[in-house]
């Protein structure tokens, strides 16, 4: 569904693009409220001057500088939302979703919730008829992930013509102790974003459907080697199909 036609409204998320030196742009995310003020290096801009304006317009700050205001995309929200744990970056999440071949209506398990980045992208991928089970062992991360998910959903409903699906169940629990919880569940895919994913594999594999995909997000090749050693030594029924690193290179194109 596309954005709701019309101007910004109170409660929506707005993204301000602030021009900086060397063709660089600073992005500032805010939730619009009538009495609030957007603060940027280019000056102040009261939210009341944004509310009622159409997205895509340039507005002037108290210092006379121009800002571009628009609705943020999901990847921009994820990069700018409050975070505790280091997030899985959108470029990596996109690759993981493609490798897992997520479809609307799927049931997917993730560990851990972190700041909620993966949860939001999985929520969109499985759609209103799908389900995401998000396990997190740390209470502060669990609470932040829920908060970020809730804030995105509530802002989406104001600025779009439909509701964002309420399809993520955030669970404060060690995945290694969740075997009984998962016994009646059939999982289409699993994504592990945790320090010791090898501890989760024996728990999740009985619930993963035949031919289902388990994607693991790791920071370095040493962790990958440890994971593969555990799969071999424990004779777990997993086949390692691909190990990839996702690179992202930005270009700056300037007039000659």
Protein backbone atom coordinates (compact mmCIF):
# COMPACT_ATOMS: atom_id res chain seq x y z
CA UNK A 1 0.00 0.00 0.00
CA UNK A 2 1.19 3.49 -0.79
CA UNK A 3 1.34 6.53 1.44
CA UNK A 4 -1.92 8.21 2.35
CA UNK A 5 -2.44 11.12 -0.08
CA UNK A 6 -2.22 14.46 1.61
CA UNK A 7 -0.08 16.37 4.07
CA UNK A 8 1.85 15.34 7.16
CA UNK A 9 -0.23 14.75 10.26
CA UNK A 10 0.61 14.74 13.97
CA UNK A 11 1.93 11.36 15.10
CA UNK A 12 3.61 10.57 11.78
CA UNK A 13 7.30 10.04 11.28
CA UNK A 14 9.03 12.69 9.19
CA UNK A 15 12.53 12.58 7.74
CA UNK A 16 14.47 15.81 7.26
CA UNK A 17 17.40 15.84 4.84
CA UNK A 18 19.98 18.44 5.85
CA UNK A 19 22.55 19.41 3.17
CA UNK A 20 26.13 19.36 4.48
CA UNK A 21 29.59 19.92 3.05
CA UNK A 22 31.14 17.80 0.28
CA UNK A 23 27.76 16.76 -1.15
CA UNK A 24 26.91 14.93 2.10
CA UNK A 25 23.39 14.82 3.55
CA UNK A 26 22.47 14.44 7.22
CA UNK A 27 19.16 12.67 7.87
CA UNK A 28 17.14 13.56 10.97
CA UNK A 29 14.11 11.46 11.99
CA UNK A 30 11.33 12.89 14.13
CA UNK A 31 7.82 11.99 15.26
CA UNK A 32 5.57 14.95 14.60
CA UNK A 33 3.90 16.65 17.57
CA UNK A 34 2.29 20.10 17.56
CA UNK A 35 4.47 21.55 20.36
CA UNK A 36 7.78 19.91 19.39
CA UNK A 37 10.70 21.41 17.47
CA UNK A 38 13.04 19.75 14.97
CA UNK A 39 16.64 20.61 15.84
CA UNK A 40 19.34 20.33 13.17
CA UNK A 41 22.77 21.85 12.40
CA UNK A 42 20.93 24.10 9.94
CA UNK A 43 18.63 25.57 12.59
CA UNK A 44 15.29 24.92 14.26
CA UNK A 45 12.01 24.05 12.60
CA UNK A 46 8.80 23.81 14.68
CA UNK A 47 6.78 20.69 13.98
CA UNK A 48 3.69 22.86 13.53
CA UNK A 49 5.37 24.25 10.39
CA UNK A 50 5.72 20.68 9.06
CA UNK A 51 2.25 19.39 9.97
CA UNK A 52 -0.12 20.23 7.14
CA UNK A 53 2.65 20.40 4.53
CA UNK A 54 2.94 17.89 1.70
CA UNK A 55 5.94 15.51 1.84
CA UNK A 56 8.67 16.30 -0.65
CA UNK A 57 8.73 20.04 0.02
CA UNK A 58 11.66 22.23 1.07
CA UNK A 59 11.02 24.16 4.30
CA UNK A 60 13.17 26.87 5.86
CA UNK A 61 14.61 26.68 9.37
CA UNK A 62 15.03 29.53 11.85
CA UNK A 63 18.48 30.14 10.31
CA UNK A 64 17.03 30.44 6.82
CA UNK A 65 18.43 27.09 5.66
CA UNK A 66 16.31 24.79 3.51
CA UNK A 67 15.41 21.22 4.56
CA UNK A 68 13.73 18.52 2.48
CA UNK A 69 10.92 16.83 4.44
CA UNK A 70 9.46 13.45 3.47
CA UNK A 71 8.16 10.19 4.92
CA UNK A 72 10.96 7.73 5.80
CA UNK A 73 11.34 4.32 4.20
CA UNK A 74 11.67 1.24 6.41
CA UNK A 75 15.41 0.97 5.89
CA UNK A 76 15.86 4.65 6.86
CA UNK A 77 13.79 4.15 10.00
CA UNK A 78 15.85 1.09 10.96
CA UNK A 79 19.12 2.98 10.54
CA UNK A 80 17.91 5.99 12.56
CA UNK A 81 15.73 4.41 15.26
CA UNK A 82 17.05 4.03 18.84
CA UNK A 83 19.28 1.00 19.23
CA UNK A 84 20.88 -0.98 22.01
CA UNK A 85 22.42 -3.92 20.20
CA UNK A 86 24.17 -3.43 16.88
CA UNK A 87 21.50 -3.83 14.21
CA UNK A 88 21.49 -6.11 11.21
CA UNK A 89 21.90 -3.62 8.37
CA UNK A 90 19.28 -3.38 5.60
CA UNK A 91 21.76 -4.54 2.93
CA UNK A 92 22.37 -7.74 4.93
CA UNK A 93 18.70 -8.22 5.80
CA UNK A 94 17.75 -7.96 2.12
CA UNK A 95 20.24 -10.72 1.26
CA UNK A 96 18.98 -12.90 4.12
CA UNK A 97 15.34 -12.50 3.04
CA UNK A 98 16.25 -13.45 -0.51
CA UNK A 99 18.23 -16.51 0.61
CA UNK A 100 15.43 -17.66 2.93
CA UNK A 101 12.84 -17.13 0.16
CA UNK A 102 10.27 -15.73 2.60
CA UNK A 103 6.68 -15.66 1.33
CA UNK A 104 3.49 -13.99 2.62
CA UNK A 105 1.87 -16.33 5.13
CA UNK A 106 5.13 -17.95 6.29
CA UNK A 107 5.99 -18.63 9.92
CA UNK A 108 9.53 -17.50 10.71
CA UNK A 109 11.62 -17.65 13.87
CA UNK A 110 14.38 -15.19 14.71
CA UNK A 111 16.88 -15.04 17.58
CA UNK A 112 17.63 -12.46 19.00
CA UNK A 113 15.39 -9.47 18.64
CA UNK A 114 18.16 -6.89 19.20
CA UNK A 115 16.74 -3.45 18.39
CA UNK A 116 13.98 -4.87 16.15
CA UNK A 117 15.47 -4.27 12.69
CA UNK A 118 15.16 -7.84 11.44
CA UNK A 119 11.75 -8.16 13.10
CA UNK A 120 10.36 -5.26 11.08
CA UNK A 121 11.61 -6.58 7.75
CA UNK A 122 10.36 -10.09 8.53
CA UNK A 123 7.00 -8.63 9.54
CA UNK A 124 6.65 -7.00 6.13
CA UNK A 125 7.84 -10.13 4.29
CA UNK A 126 5.39 -12.59 5.88
CA UNK A 127 2.45 -10.17 5.71
CA UNK A 128 -0.83 -10.12 7.66
CA UNK A 129 -1.34 -13.88 7.39
CA UNK A 130 2.20 -14.73 8.43
CA UNK A 131 3.83 -14.97 11.84
CA UNK A 132 7.22 -13.99 13.29
CA UNK A 133 8.49 -15.45 16.57
CA UNK A 134 11.28 -13.25 17.92
CA UNK A 135 13.30 -14.61 20.85
CA UNK A 136 15.59 -12.41 22.94
CA UNK A 137 17.47 -13.27 26.13
CA UNK A 138 18.19 -9.68 27.27
CA UNK A 139 15.27 -7.74 28.72
CA UNK A 140 16.60 -4.32 27.63
CA UNK A 141 16.93 -5.46 24.01
CA UNK A 142 13.53 -7.19 24.18
CA UNK A 143 11.82 -4.00 25.40
CA UNK A 144 13.57 -1.78 22.85
CA UNK A 145 12.67 -4.07 19.94
CA UNK A 146 9.02 -4.02 20.98
CA UNK A 147 9.10 -0.23 21.34
CA UNK A 148 10.67 0.34 17.91
CA UNK A 149 8.20 -2.06 16.29
CA UNK A 150 5.24 -0.37 18.00
CA UNK A 151 6.39 3.13 17.03
CA UNK A 152 6.77 2.16 13.35
CA UNK A 153 3.33 0.51 13.25
CA UNK A 154 1.52 3.43 14.88
CA UNK A 155 3.17 6.00 12.59
CA UNK A 156 2.49 3.83 9.53
CA UNK A 157 -1.23 3.68 10.27
CA UNK A 158 -1.42 7.49 10.32
CA UNK A 159 0.52 8.05 7.10
CA UNK A 160 -0.70 5.11 4.98
CA UNK A 161 -3.97 3.75 3.70
CA UNK A 162 -3.71 0.42 5.56
CA UNK A 163 -2.44 -0.97 8.84
CA UNK A 164 1.00 -2.48 9.30
CA UNK A 165 0.44 -6.15 10.29
CA UNK A 166 0.57 -6.98 13.98
CA UNK A 167 2.33 -10.29 13.34
CA UNK A 168 5.46 -10.31 15.53
CA UNK A 169 5.47 -12.07 18.89
CA UNK A 170 8.40 -10.83 20.99
CA UNK A 171 9.43 -13.49 23.51
CA UNK A 172 11.82 -12.82 26.41
CA UNK A 173 13.49 -16.21 26.69
CA UNK A 174 16.70 -18.08 25.96
CA UNK A 175 16.12 -19.98 22.72
CA UNK A 176 18.05 -22.96 24.13
CA UNK A 177 15.23 -23.37 26.68
CA UNK A 178 12.39 -23.06 24.14
CA UNK A 179 12.22 -26.63 22.79
CA UNK A 180 8.84 -27.31 24.43
CA UNK A 181 7.40 -24.00 23.14
CA UNK A 182 8.43 -24.80 19.56
CA UNK A 183 7.27 -28.41 19.54
CA UNK A 184 3.77 -27.64 18.12
CA UNK A 185 5.11 -25.04 15.66
CA UNK A 186 6.09 -25.64 12.02
CA UNK A 187 8.66 -23.11 10.84
CA UNK A 188 9.14 -22.16 7.19
CA UNK A 189 12.46 -20.46 7.94
CA UNK A 190 14.78 -19.55 10.79
CA UNK A 191 17.23 -16.66 11.12
CA UNK A 192 19.80 -16.71 13.91
CA UNK A 193 21.47 -13.44 14.95
CA UNK A 194 23.25 -14.37 18.16
CA UNK A 195 26.75 -14.97 19.53
CA UNK A 196 26.44 -18.78 19.71
CA UNK A 197 23.99 -19.92 17.02
CA UNK A 198 25.25 -23.48 17.39
CA UNK A 199 23.39 -23.61 20.73
CA UNK A 200 20.10 -22.86 18.98
CA UNK A 201 20.36 -25.34 16.12
CA UNK A 202 19.41 -28.50 18.10
CA UNK A 203 16.37 -26.63 19.45
CA UNK A 204 15.01 -25.17 16.21
CA UNK A 205 15.70 -27.95 13.71
CA UNK A 206 12.85 -30.28 14.86
CA UNK A 207 10.36 -27.47 14.10
CA UNK A 208 11.89 -26.44 10.77
CA UNK A 209 9.99 -27.97 7.88
CA UNK A 210 11.74 -30.37 5.52
CA UNK A 211 13.67 -28.25 3.05
CA UNK A 212 13.32 -25.11 5.19
CA UNK A 213 16.15 -22.60 5.37
CA UNK A 214 18.14 -21.55 8.42
CA UNK A 215 20.09 -18.34 7.82
CA UNK A 216 22.79 -17.31 10.30
CA UNK A 217 24.09 -13.75 10.63
CA UNK A 218 27.69 -13.73 11.93
CA UNK A 219 30.32 -11.03 12.32
CA UNK A 220 33.47 -12.91 11.28
CA UNK A 221 34.75 -16.07 9.61
CA UNK A 222 35.99 -17.56 12.91
CA UNK A 223 32.38 -17.75 14.09
CA UNK A 224 31.40 -19.38 10.81
CA UNK A 225 34.07 -22.06 11.27
CA UNK A 226 32.93 -22.75 14.85
CA UNK A 227 29.35 -23.12 13.64
CA UNK A 228 30.27 -25.56 10.86
CA UNK A 229 32.39 -27.60 13.28
CA UNK A 230 29.43 -27.88 15.66
CA UNK A 231 27.11 -29.00 12.85
CA UNK A 232 29.59 -31.73 11.85
CA UNK A 233 30.46 -32.91 15.37
CA UNK A 234 26.82 -33.09 16.47
CA UNK A 235 25.70 -34.57 13.14
CA UNK A 236 22.90 -32.04 12.85
CA UNK A 237 20.74 -32.39 9.72
CA UNK A 238 21.86 -29.14 8.10
CA UNK A 239 23.63 -28.60 4.80
CA UNK A 240 25.76 -25.46 4.40
CA UNK A 241 24.73 -24.09 1.02
CA UNK A 242 26.21 -20.59 0.90
CA UNK A 243 28.50 -18.32 2.90
CA UNK A 244 28.49 -14.74 1.63
CA UNK A 245 29.62 -11.25 2.57
CA UNK A 246 27.38 -8.42 1.39
CA UNK A 247 29.21 -5.29 0.29
CA UNK A 248 27.65 -1.91 -0.42
CA UNK A 249 29.53 0.84 -2.25
CA UNK A 250 28.10 4.33 -2.58
CA UNK A 251 28.99 6.61 -5.51
CA UNK A 252 29.14 10.38 -5.56
CA UNK A 253 28.46 11.85 -9.00
CA UNK A 254 29.36 15.54 -9.33
CA UNK A 255 29.36 17.97 -12.28
CA UNK A 256 32.72 18.27 -14.07
